[in-house]
PDB file of N, CA and C in Angstrom:
ATOM      1  N   UNK A   1     139.738  69.692 103.903  1.00  0.00           N
ATOM      2  CA  UNK A   1     140.676  70.378 103.041  1.00  0.00           C
ATOM      3  C   UNK A   1     140.293  71.857 102.986  1.00  0.00           C
ATOM      4  N   UNK A   2     140.543  72.541 104.064  1.00  0.00           N
ATOM      5  CA  UNK A   2     140.243  73.961 104.130  1.00  0.00           C
ATOM      6  C   UNK A   2     141.523  74.775 104.223  1.00  0.00           C
ATOM      7  N   UNK A   3     141.342  76.051 104.342  1.00  0.00           N
ATOM      8  CA  UNK A   3     142.497  76.937 104.481  1.00  0.00           C
ATOM      9  C   UNK A   3     142.865  76.988 105.959  1.00  0.00           C
ATOM     10  N   UNK A   4     144.080  76.642 106.250  1.00  0.00           N
ATOM     11  CA  UNK A   4     144.564  76.665 107.619  1.00  0.00           C
ATOM     12  C   UNK A   4     145.008  78.067 108.018  1.00  0.00           C
ATOM     13  N   UNK A   5     145.395  78.214 109.264  1.00  0.00           N
ATOM     14  CA  UNK A   5     145.813  79.520 109.779  1.00  0.00           C
ATOM     15  C   UNK A   5     147.088  79.994 109.084  1.00  0.00           C
ATOM     16  N   UNK A   6     147.999  79.077 108.812  1.00  0.00           N
ATOM     17  CA  UNK A   6     149.263  79.450 108.171  1.00  0.00           C
ATOM     18  C   UNK A   6     149.025  79.968 106.740  1.00  0.00           C
ATOM     19  N   UNK A   7     148.154  79.290 105.982  1.00  0.00           N
ATOM     20  CA  UNK A   7     147.859  79.720 104.610  1.00  0.00           C
ATOM     21  C   UNK A   7     147.143  81.069 104.590  1.00  0.00           C
ATOM     22  N   UNK A   8     146.220  81.256 105.527  1.00  0.00           N
ATOM     23  CA  UNK A   8     145.501  82.526 105.622  1.00  0.00           C
ATOM     24  C   UNK A   8     146.450  83.677 105.937  1.00  0.00           C
ATOM     25  N   UNK A   9     147.402  83.447 106.819  1.00  0.00           N
ATOM     26  CA  UNK A   9     148.385  84.467 107.170  1.00  0.00           C
ATOM     27  C   UNK A   9     149.262  84.830 105.971  1.00  0.00           C
ATOM     28  N   UNK A  10     149.675  83.840 105.192  1.00  0.00           N
ATOM     29  CA  UNK A  10     150.486  84.097 103.999  1.00  0.00           C
ATOM     30  C   UNK A  10     149.694  84.922 102.988  1.00  0.00           C
ATOM     31  N   UNK A  11     148.421  84.586 102.797  1.00  0.00           N
ATOM     32  CA  UNK A  11     147.576  85.331 101.852  1.00  0.00           C
ATOM     33  C   UNK A  11     147.432  86.784 102.301  1.00  0.00           C
ATOM     34  N   UNK A  12     147.215  87.009 103.580  1.00  0.00           N
ATOM     35  CA  UNK A  12     147.072  88.374 104.100  1.00  0.00           C
ATOM     36  C   UNK A  12     148.362  89.186 103.953  1.00  0.00           C
ATOM     37  N   UNK A  13     149.515  88.561 104.192  1.00  0.00           N
ATOM     38  CA  UNK A  13     150.793  89.268 104.046  1.00  0.00           C
ATOM     39  C   UNK A  13     151.026  89.638 102.587  1.00  0.00           C
ATOM     40  N   UNK A  14     150.726  88.729 101.671  1.00  0.00           N
ATOM     41  CA  UNK A  14     150.893  89.026 100.245  1.00  0.00           C
ATOM     42  C   UNK A  14     149.947  90.149  99.827  1.00  0.00           C
ATOM     43  N   UNK A  15     148.717  90.115 100.288  1.00  0.00           N
ATOM     44  CA  UNK A  15     147.754  91.174  99.964  1.00  0.00           C
ATOM     45  C   UNK A  15     148.216  92.512 100.519  1.00  0.00           C
ATOM     46  N   UNK A  16     148.767  92.520 101.707  1.00  0.00           N
ATOM     47  CA  UNK A  16     149.281  93.749 102.314  1.00  0.00           C
ATOM     48  C   UNK A  16     150.443  94.311 101.509  1.00  0.00           C
ATOM     49  N   UNK A  17     151.341  93.441 101.035  1.00  0.00           N
ATOM     50  CA  UNK A  17     152.468  93.896 100.220  1.00  0.00           C
ATOM     51  C   UNK A  17     152.012  94.427  98.849  1.00  0.00           C
ATOM     52  N   UNK A  18     151.015  93.796  98.263  1.00  0.00           N
ATOM     53  CA  UNK A  18     150.562  94.195  96.929  1.00  0.00           C
ATOM     54  C   UNK A  18     149.751  95.488  96.979  1.00  0.00           C
ATOM     55  N   UNK A  19     148.806  95.566  97.894  1.00  0.00           N
ATOM     56  CA  UNK A  19     147.889  96.712  97.912  1.00  0.00           C
ATOM     57  C   UNK A  19     148.301  97.832  98.845  1.00  0.00           C
ATOM     58  N   UNK A  20     148.996  97.558  99.914  1.00  0.00           N
ATOM     59  CA  UNK A  20     149.338  98.583 100.900  1.00  0.00           C
ATOM     60  C   UNK A  20     148.223  98.713 101.930  1.00  0.00           C
ATOM     61  N   UNK A  21     148.526  99.401 103.018  1.00  0.00           N
ATOM     62  CA  UNK A  21     147.581  99.455 104.138  1.00  0.00           C
ATOM     63  C   UNK A  21     146.341 100.287 103.811  1.00  0.00           C
ATOM     64  N   UNK A  22     146.517 101.444 103.168  1.00  0.00           N
ATOM     65  CA  UNK A  22     145.362 102.305 102.891  1.00  0.00           C
ATOM     66  C   UNK A  22     144.412 101.657 101.891  1.00  0.00           C
ATOM     67  N   UNK A  23     144.970 101.094 100.842  1.00  0.00           N
ATOM     68  CA  UNK A  23     144.143 100.455  99.817  1.00  0.00           C
ATOM     69  C   UNK A  23     143.450  99.213 100.384  1.00  0.00           C
ATOM     70  N   UNK A  24     144.136  98.457 101.237  1.00  0.00           N
ATOM     71  CA  UNK A  24     143.550  97.268 101.844  1.00  0.00           C
ATOM     72  C   UNK A  24     142.391  97.648 102.770  1.00  0.00           C
ATOM     73  N   UNK A  25     142.546  98.761 103.501  1.00  0.00           N
ATOM     74  CA  UNK A  25     141.471  99.244 104.380  1.00  0.00           C
ATOM     75  C   UNK A  25     140.258  99.645 103.541  1.00  0.00           C
ATOM     76  N   UNK A  26     140.481 100.312 102.421  1.00  0.00           N
ATOM     77  CA  UNK A  26     139.386 100.722 101.538  1.00  0.00           C
ATOM     78  C   UNK A  26     138.682  99.509 100.944  1.00  0.00           C
ATOM     79  N   UNK A  27     139.454  98.538 100.520  1.00  0.00           N
ATOM     80  CA  UNK A  27     138.875  97.311  99.951  1.00  0.00           C
ATOM     81  C   UNK A  27     138.029  96.593 101.001  1.00  0.00           C
ATOM     82  N   UNK A  28     138.530  96.538 102.221  1.00  0.00           N
ATOM     83  CA  UNK A  28     137.789  95.875 103.308  1.00  0.00           C
ATOM     84  C   UNK A  28     136.478  96.568 103.615  1.00  0.00           C
ATOM     85  N   UNK A  29     136.489  97.906 103.663  1.00  0.00           N
ATOM     86  CA  UNK A  29     135.246  98.619 103.965  1.00  0.00           C
ATOM     87  C   UNK A  29     134.257  98.497 102.804  1.00  0.00           C
ATOM     88  N   UNK A  30     134.744  98.513 101.572  1.00  0.00           N
ATOM     89  CA  UNK A  30     133.859  98.331 100.417  1.00  0.00           C
ATOM     90  C   UNK A  30     133.235  96.936 100.416  1.00  0.00           C
ATOM     91  N   UNK A  31     134.057  95.948 100.742  1.00  0.00           N
ATOM     92  CA  UNK A  31     133.563  94.575 100.794  1.00  0.00           C
ATOM     93  C   UNK A  31     132.515  94.417 101.909  1.00  0.00           C
ATOM     94  N   UNK A  32     132.763  95.041 103.058  1.00  0.00           N
ATOM     95  CA  UNK A  32     131.800  94.992 104.160  1.00  0.00           C
ATOM     96  C   UNK A  32     130.481  95.656 103.783  1.00  0.00           C
ATOM     97  N   UNK A  33     130.543  96.788 103.080  1.00  0.00           N
ATOM     98  CA  UNK A  33     129.321  97.454 102.631  1.00  0.00           C
ATOM     99  C   UNK A  33     128.538  96.616 101.638  1.00  0.00           C
ATOM    100  N   UNK A  34     129.263  95.923 100.777  1.00  0.00           N
ATOM    101  CA  UNK A  34     128.595  95.061  99.800  1.00  0.00           C
ATOM    102  C   UNK A  34     127.888  93.901 100.490  1.00  0.00           C
ATOM    103  N   UNK A  35     128.520  93.329 101.499  1.00  0.00           N
ATOM    104  CA  UNK A  35     127.911  92.220 102.232  1.00  0.00           C
ATOM    105  C   UNK A  35     126.665  92.700 102.977  1.00  0.00           C
ATOM    106  N   UNK A  36     126.754  93.888 103.597  1.00  0.00           N
ATOM    107  CA  UNK A  36     125.585  94.442 104.298  1.00  0.00           C
ATOM    108  C   UNK A  36     124.442  94.704 103.323  1.00  0.00           C
ATOM    109  N   UNK A  37     124.744  95.249 102.163  1.00  0.00           N
ATOM    110  CA  UNK A  37     123.718  95.500 101.156  1.00  0.00           C
ATOM    111  C   UNK A  37     123.071  94.221 100.666  1.00  0.00           C
ATOM    112  N   UNK A  38     123.877  93.192 100.490  1.00  0.00           N
ATOM    113  CA  UNK A  38     123.355  91.899 100.051  1.00  0.00           C
ATOM    114  C   UNK A  38     122.417  91.304 101.102  1.00  0.00           C
ATOM    115  N   UNK A  39     122.807  91.372 102.365  1.00  0.00           N
ATOM    116  CA  UNK A  39     121.961  90.842 103.439  1.00  0.00           C
ATOM    117  C   UNK A  39     120.647  91.607 103.518  1.00  0.00           C
ATOM    118  N   UNK A  40     120.717  92.938 103.363  1.00  0.00           N
ATOM    119  CA  UNK A  40     119.498  93.758 103.414  1.00  0.00           C
ATOM    120  C   UNK A  40     118.568  93.407 102.255  1.00  0.00           C
ATOM    121  N   UNK A  41     119.124  93.216 101.075  1.00  0.00           N
ATOM    122  CA  UNK A  41     118.311  92.847  99.921  1.00  0.00           C
ATOM    123  C   UNK A  41     117.668  91.475 100.122  1.00  0.00           C
ATOM    124  N   UNK A  42     118.386  90.557 100.723  1.00  0.00           N
ATOM    125  CA  UNK A  42     117.824  89.231 100.991  1.00  0.00           C
ATOM    126  C   UNK A  42     116.669  89.321 101.976  1.00  0.00           C
ATOM    127  N   UNK A  43     116.812  90.142 103.023  1.00  0.00           N
ATOM    128  CA  UNK A  43     115.740  90.304 104.002  1.00  0.00           C
ATOM    129  C   UNK A  43     114.521  90.959 103.350  1.00  0.00           C
ATOM    130  N   UNK A  44     114.745  91.954 102.494  1.00  0.00           N
ATOM    131  CA  UNK A  44     113.639  92.614 101.805  1.00  0.00           C
ATOM    132  C   UNK A  44     112.916  91.627 100.895  1.00  0.00           C
ATOM    133  N   UNK A  45     113.666  90.770 100.222  1.00  0.00           N
ATOM    134  CA  UNK A  45     113.060  89.760  99.364  1.00  0.00           C
ATOM    135  C   UNK A  45     112.228  88.764 100.153  1.00  0.00           C
ATOM    136  N   UNK A  46     112.713  88.381 101.330  1.00  0.00           N
ATOM    137  CA  UNK A  46     111.959  87.460 102.178  1.00  0.00           C
ATOM    138  C   UNK A  46     110.688  88.122 102.673  1.00  0.00           C
ATOM    139  N   UNK A  47     110.773  89.408 103.036  1.00  0.00           N
ATOM    140  CA  UNK A  47     109.588  90.119 103.516  1.00  0.00           C
ATOM    141  C   UNK A  47     108.543  90.235 102.408  1.00  0.00           C
ATOM    142  N   UNK A  48     108.978  90.427 101.167  1.00  0.00           N
ATOM    143  CA  UNK A  48     108.044  90.512 100.038  1.00  0.00           C
ATOM    144  C   UNK A  48     107.333  89.192  99.818  1.00  0.00           C
ATOM    145  N   UNK A  49     108.065  88.084  99.883  1.00  0.00           N
ATOM    146  CA  UNK A  49     107.437  86.792  99.648  1.00  0.00           C
ATOM    147  C   UNK A  49     106.476  86.451 100.768  1.00  0.00           C
ATOM    148  N   UNK A  50     106.782  86.823 101.988  1.00  0.00           N
ATOM    149  CA  UNK A  50     105.867  86.569 103.100  1.00  0.00           C
ATOM    150  C   UNK A  50     104.601  87.391 102.908  1.00  0.00           C
ATOM    151  N   UNK A  51     104.753  88.648 102.483  1.00  0.00           N
ATOM    152  CA  UNK A  51     103.588  89.501 102.272  1.00  0.00           C
ATOM    153  C   UNK A  51     102.719  88.985 101.137  1.00  0.00           C
ATOM    154  N   UNK A  52     103.320  88.408 100.102  1.00  0.00           N
ATOM    155  CA  UNK A  52     102.541  87.886  98.981  1.00  0.00           C
ATOM    156  C   UNK A  52     101.786  86.623  99.370  1.00  0.00           C
ATOM    157  N   UNK A  53     102.334  85.833 100.285  1.00  0.00           N
ATOM    158  CA  UNK A  53     101.707  84.579 100.673  1.00  0.00           C
ATOM    159  C   UNK A  53     100.582  84.770 101.673  1.00  0.00           C
ATOM    160  N   UNK A  54     100.567  85.901 102.381  1.00  0.00           N
ATOM    161  CA  UNK A  54      99.504  86.160 103.344  1.00  0.00           C
ATOM    162  C   UNK A  54      98.299  86.715 102.610  1.00  0.00           C
ATOM    163  N   UNK A  55      97.101  86.264 102.977  1.00  0.00           N
ATOM    164  CA  UNK A  55      95.910  86.818 102.322  1.00  0.00           C
ATOM    165  C   UNK A  55      95.699  88.267 102.756  1.00  0.00           C
ATOM    166  N   UNK A  56      95.233  89.056 101.818  1.00  0.00           N
ATOM    167  CA  UNK A  56      94.992  90.457 102.128  1.00  0.00           C
ATOM    168  C   UNK A  56      93.735  90.570 102.962  1.00  0.00           C
ATOM    169  N   UNK A  57      93.769  91.449 103.932  1.00  0.00           N
ATOM    170  CA  UNK A  57      92.622  91.665 104.792  1.00  0.00           C
ATOM    171  C   UNK A  57      91.915  92.934 104.328  1.00  0.00           C
ATOM    172  N   UNK A  58      91.009  92.773 103.391  1.00  0.00           N
ATOM    173  CA  UNK A  58      90.260  93.902 102.861  1.00  0.00           C
ATOM    174  C   UNK A  58      88.909  93.960 103.551  1.00  0.00           C
ATOM    175  N   UNK A  59      88.324  95.145 103.571  1.00  0.00           N
ATOM    176  CA  UNK A  59      87.012  95.315 104.163  1.00  0.00           C
ATOM    177  C   UNK A  59      85.991  94.569 103.308  1.00  0.00           C
ATOM    178  N   UNK A  60      85.052  93.891 103.945  1.00  0.00           N
ATOM    179  CA  UNK A  60      84.049  93.172 103.156  1.00  0.00           C
ATOM    180  C   UNK A  60      83.178  94.151 102.366  1.00  0.00           C
ATOM    181  N   UNK A  61      82.851  93.762 101.161  1.00  0.00           N
ATOM    182  CA  UNK A  61      82.051  94.610 100.291  1.00  0.00           C
ATOM    183  C   UNK A  61      80.628  94.084 100.285  1.00  0.00           C
ATOM    184  N   UNK A  62      79.663  94.985 100.533  1.00  0.00           N
ATOM    185  CA  UNK A  62      78.263  94.594 100.535  1.00  0.00           C
ATOM    186  C   UNK A  62      77.819  94.324  99.103  1.00  0.00           C
ATOM    187  N   UNK A  63      76.981  93.303  98.898  1.00  0.00           N
ATOM    188  CA  UNK A  63      76.513  93.027  97.542  1.00  0.00           C
ATOM    189  C   UNK A  63      75.592  94.137  97.055  1.00  0.00           C
ATOM    190  N   UNK A  64      75.630  94.376  95.763  1.00  0.00           N
ATOM    191  CA  UNK A  64      74.776  95.405  95.182  1.00  0.00           C
ATOM    192  C   UNK A  64      73.356  94.856  95.070  1.00  0.00           C
ATOM    193  N   UNK A  65      72.398  95.692  95.457  1.00  0.00           N
ATOM    194  CA  UNK A  65      71.000  95.314  95.398  1.00  0.00           C
ATOM    195  C   UNK A  65      70.359  96.092  94.257  1.00  0.00           C
ATOM    196  N   UNK A  66      69.569  95.414  93.457  1.00  0.00           N
ATOM    197  CA  UNK A  66      68.920  96.062  92.327  1.00  0.00           C
ATOM    198  C   UNK A  66      67.976  97.145  92.826  1.00  0.00           C
ATOM    199  N   UNK A  67      68.016  98.298  92.183  1.00  0.00           N
ATOM    200  CA  UNK A  67      67.183  99.432  92.568  1.00  0.00           C
ATOM    201  C   UNK A  67      65.894  99.382  91.757  1.00  0.00           C
ATOM    202  N   UNK A  68      64.772  99.189  92.436  1.00  0.00           N
ATOM    203  CA  UNK A  68      63.490  99.123  91.749  1.00  0.00           C
ATOM    204  C   UNK A  68      62.647 100.364  92.004  1.00  0.00           C
ATOM    205  N   UNK A  69      63.278 101.420  92.419  1.00  0.00           N
ATOM    206  CA  UNK A  69      62.521 102.630  92.727  1.00  0.00           C
ATOM    207  C   UNK A  69      62.103 103.347  91.451  1.00  0.00           C
ATOM    208  N   UNK A  70      61.319 104.378  91.612  1.00  0.00           N
ATOM    209  CA  UNK A  70      60.816 105.157  90.481  1.00  0.00           C
ATOM    210  C   UNK A  70      61.948 105.905  89.789  1.00  0.00           C
ATOM    211  N   UNK A  71      62.993 106.272  90.526  1.00  0.00           N
ATOM    212  CA  UNK A  71      64.119 106.993  89.928  1.00  0.00           C
ATOM    213  C   UNK A  71      64.843 106.106  88.927  1.00  0.00           C
ATOM    214  N   UNK A  72      64.965 104.838  89.221  1.00  0.00           N
ATOM    215  CA  UNK A  72      65.622 103.918  88.297  1.00  0.00           C
ATOM    216  C   UNK A  72      64.769 103.707  87.059  1.00  0.00           C
ATOM    217  N   UNK A  73      63.455 103.653  87.244  1.00  0.00           N
ATOM    218  CA  UNK A  73      62.558 103.468  86.106  1.00  0.00           C
ATOM    219  C   UNK A  73      62.545 104.709  85.225  1.00  0.00           C
ATOM    220  N   UNK A  74      62.663 105.889  85.827  1.00  0.00           N
ATOM    221  CA  UNK A  74      62.636 107.132  85.065  1.00  0.00           C
ATOM    222  C   UNK A  74      63.898 107.305  84.236  1.00  0.00           C
ATOM    223  N   UNK A  75      64.990 106.717  84.666  1.00  0.00           N
ATOM    224  CA  UNK A  75      66.240 106.875  83.932  1.00  0.00           C
ATOM    225  C   UNK A  75      66.287 106.020  82.671  1.00  0.00           C
ATOM    226  N   UNK A  76      65.440 104.979  82.595  1.00  0.00           N
ATOM    227  CA  UNK A  76      65.399 104.131  81.415  1.00  0.00           C
ATOM    228  C   UNK A  76      64.433 104.740  80.402  1.00  0.00           C
ATOM    229  N   UNK A  77      64.763 104.714  79.132  1.00  0.00           N
ATOM    230  CA  UNK A  77      63.849 105.270  78.116  1.00  0.00           C
ATOM    231  C   UNK A  77      62.581 104.397  78.008  1.00  0.00           C
ATOM    232  N   UNK A  78      61.475 105.057  77.782  1.00  0.00           N
ATOM    233  CA  UNK A  78      60.188 104.351  77.681  1.00  0.00           C
ATOM    234  C   UNK A  78      60.120 103.616  76.355  1.00  0.00           C
ATOM    235  N   UNK A  79      59.554 102.429  76.347  1.00  0.00           N
ATOM    236  CA  UNK A  79      59.408 101.646  75.138  1.00  0.00           C
ATOM    237  C   UNK A  79      58.046 101.962  74.501  1.00  0.00           C
ATOM    238  N   UNK A  80      58.069 102.207  73.223  1.00  0.00           N
ATOM    239  CA  UNK A  80      56.834 102.513  72.510  1.00  0.00           C
ATOM    240  C   UNK A  80      56.448 101.311  71.655  1.00  0.00           C
ATOM    241  N   UNK A  81      55.187 100.998  71.689  1.00  0.00           N
ATOM    242  CA  UNK A  81      54.698  99.907  70.845  1.00  0.00           C
ATOM    243  C   UNK A  81      54.167 100.499  69.554  1.00  0.00           C
ATOM    244  N   UNK A  82      54.458  99.879  68.491  1.00  0.00           N
ATOM    245  CA  UNK A  82      53.946 100.336  67.209  1.00  0.00           C
ATOM    246  C   UNK A  82      52.982  99.282  66.661  1.00  0.00           C
ATOM    247  N   UNK A  83      51.944  99.780  66.115  1.00  0.00           N
ATOM    248  CA  UNK A  83      50.966  98.875  65.540  1.00  0.00           C
ATOM    249  C   UNK A  83      51.256  98.779  64.056  1.00  0.00           C
ATOM    250  N   UNK A  84      51.371  97.629  63.567  1.00  0.00           N
ATOM    251  CA  UNK A  84      51.821  97.450  62.208  1.00  0.00           C
ATOM    252  C   UNK A  84      50.891  97.064  61.207  1.00  0.00           C
TER     253      UNK A  84
END
């Protein structure tokens, strides 16, 4: 139960009579631009989801090693013992 060729032709003739040739051409180009924009947005959305699902390839980070040099000891305040 679809639209046959005869029904489609009747719809197009009625649209041509109602809107005229210039307005129909403008409507068609606007509709085509909207479809292109929709397809582009769908592709961008798919590219975003693919990028989110892929693991990021970051440079490995070396673990921090505790600094036991004299410079590290000098930066800490000296503890004083008090006799009570």
